Amino acid sequence: MFDLRTEAEMRLHSERTARELALKKQRAEADEARATTEVTAAADMDPPKA
């Protein structure tokens, strides 16, 4: 099968890839939450329409 070094390198690559994907998802969610907050804040600033 695989030798120990190759197996360790594959595991490291998998963990690194998973971490990068998790960070990317977290940033996207934070950006979405920030955009929603900005839209809500802008709507609160608009004067009521009669």
C-alpha atoms as a PDB file:
ATOM      1  CA  MET A   1       0.000   0.000   0.000  1.00  0.00           C
ATOM      2  CA  PHE A   2       1.399   3.443   0.900  1.00  0.00           C
ATOM      3  CA  ASP A   3       4.494   4.037   2.943  1.00  0.00           C
ATOM      4  CA  LEU A   4       4.150   6.070   6.128  1.00  0.00           C
ATOM      5  CA  ARG A   5       5.619   9.253   4.676  1.00  0.00           C
ATOM      6  CA  THR A   6       3.298   9.269   1.663  1.00  0.00           C
ATOM      7  CA  GLU A   7       0.314   8.581   3.893  1.00  0.00           C
ATOM      8  CA  ALA A   8       1.289  11.452   6.210  1.00  0.00           C
ATOM      9  CA  GLU A   9       1.709  13.814   3.244  1.00  0.00           C
ATOM     10  CA  MET A  10      -1.701  12.842   1.875  1.00  0.00           C
ATOM     11  CA  ARG A  11      -3.305  13.405   5.278  1.00  0.00           C
ATOM     12  CA  LEU A  12      -1.604  16.805   5.621  1.00  0.00           C
ATOM     13  CA  HIS A  13      -2.818  17.804   2.159  1.00  0.00           C
ATOM     14  CA  SER A  14      -6.375  16.721   2.983  1.00  0.00           C
ATOM     15  CA  GLU A  15      -6.389  18.600   6.286  1.00  0.00           C
ATOM     16  CA  ARG A  16      -4.960  21.727   4.649  1.00  0.00           C
ATOM     17  CA  THR A  17      -7.548  21.587   1.870  1.00  0.00           C
ATOM     18  CA  ALA A  18     -10.379  21.109   4.367  1.00  0.00           C
ATOM     19  CA  ARG A  19      -9.127  24.075   6.420  1.00  0.00           C
ATOM     20  CA  GLU A  20      -8.925  26.300   3.328  1.00  0.00           C
ATOM     21  CA  LEU A  21     -12.457  25.350   2.277  1.00  0.00           C
ATOM     22  CA  ALA A  22     -13.784  26.005   5.781  1.00  0.00           C
ATOM     23  CA  LEU A  23     -12.146  29.447   5.877  1.00  0.00           C
ATOM     24  CA  LYS A  24     -13.504  30.293   2.441  1.00  0.00           C
ATOM     25  CA  LYS A  25     -17.023  29.282   3.524  1.00  0.00           C
ATOM     26  CA  GLN A  26     -16.708  31.236   6.774  1.00  0.00           C
ATOM     27  CA  ARG A  27     -15.605  34.378   4.894  1.00  0.00           C
ATOM     28  CA  ALA A  28     -18.485  34.024   2.426  1.00  0.00           C
ATOM     29  CA  GLU A  29     -20.983  33.702   5.275  1.00  0.00           C
ATOM     30  CA  ALA A  30     -19.480  36.736   7.035  1.00  0.00           C
ATOM     31  CA  ASP A  31     -19.675  38.774   3.816  1.00  0.00           C
ATOM     32  CA  GLU A  32     -23.300  37.730   3.348  1.00  0.00           C
ATOM     33  CA  ALA A  33     -24.163  38.658   6.932  1.00  0.00           C
ATOM     34  CA  ARG A  34     -22.427  42.026   6.526  1.00  0.00           C
ATOM     35  CA  ALA A  35     -24.318  42.729   3.279  1.00  0.00           C
ATOM     36  CA  THR A  36     -27.620  41.862   4.951  1.00  0.00           C
ATOM     37  CA  THR A  37     -26.793  44.177   7.857  1.00  0.00           C
ATOM     38  CA  GLU A  38     -25.910  46.996   5.464  1.00  0.00           C
ATOM     39  CA  VAL A  39     -29.175  46.585   3.536  1.00  0.00           C
ATOM     40  CA  THR A  40     -31.166  46.534   6.786  1.00  0.00           C
ATOM     41  CA  ALA A  41     -29.348  49.623   8.074  1.00  0.00           C
ATOM     42  CA  ALA A  42     -29.974  51.457   4.794  1.00  0.00           C
ATOM     43  CA  ALA A  43     -33.651  50.552   4.926  1.00  0.00           C
ATOM     44  CA  ASP A  44     -33.887  51.849   8.496  1.00  0.00           C
ATOM     45  CA  MET A  45     -32.412  55.189   7.376  1.00  0.00           C
ATOM     46  CA  ASP A  46     -34.976  55.737   4.628  1.00  0.00           C
ATOM     47  CA  PRO A  47     -37.841  57.998   5.698  1.00  0.00           C
ATOM     48  CA  PRO A  48     -41.232  56.296   5.806  1.00  0.00           C
ATOM     49  CA  LYS A  49     -43.253  56.715   2.622  1.00  0.00           C
ATOM     50  CA  ALA A  50     -46.711  58.151   2.912  1.00  0.00           C
END
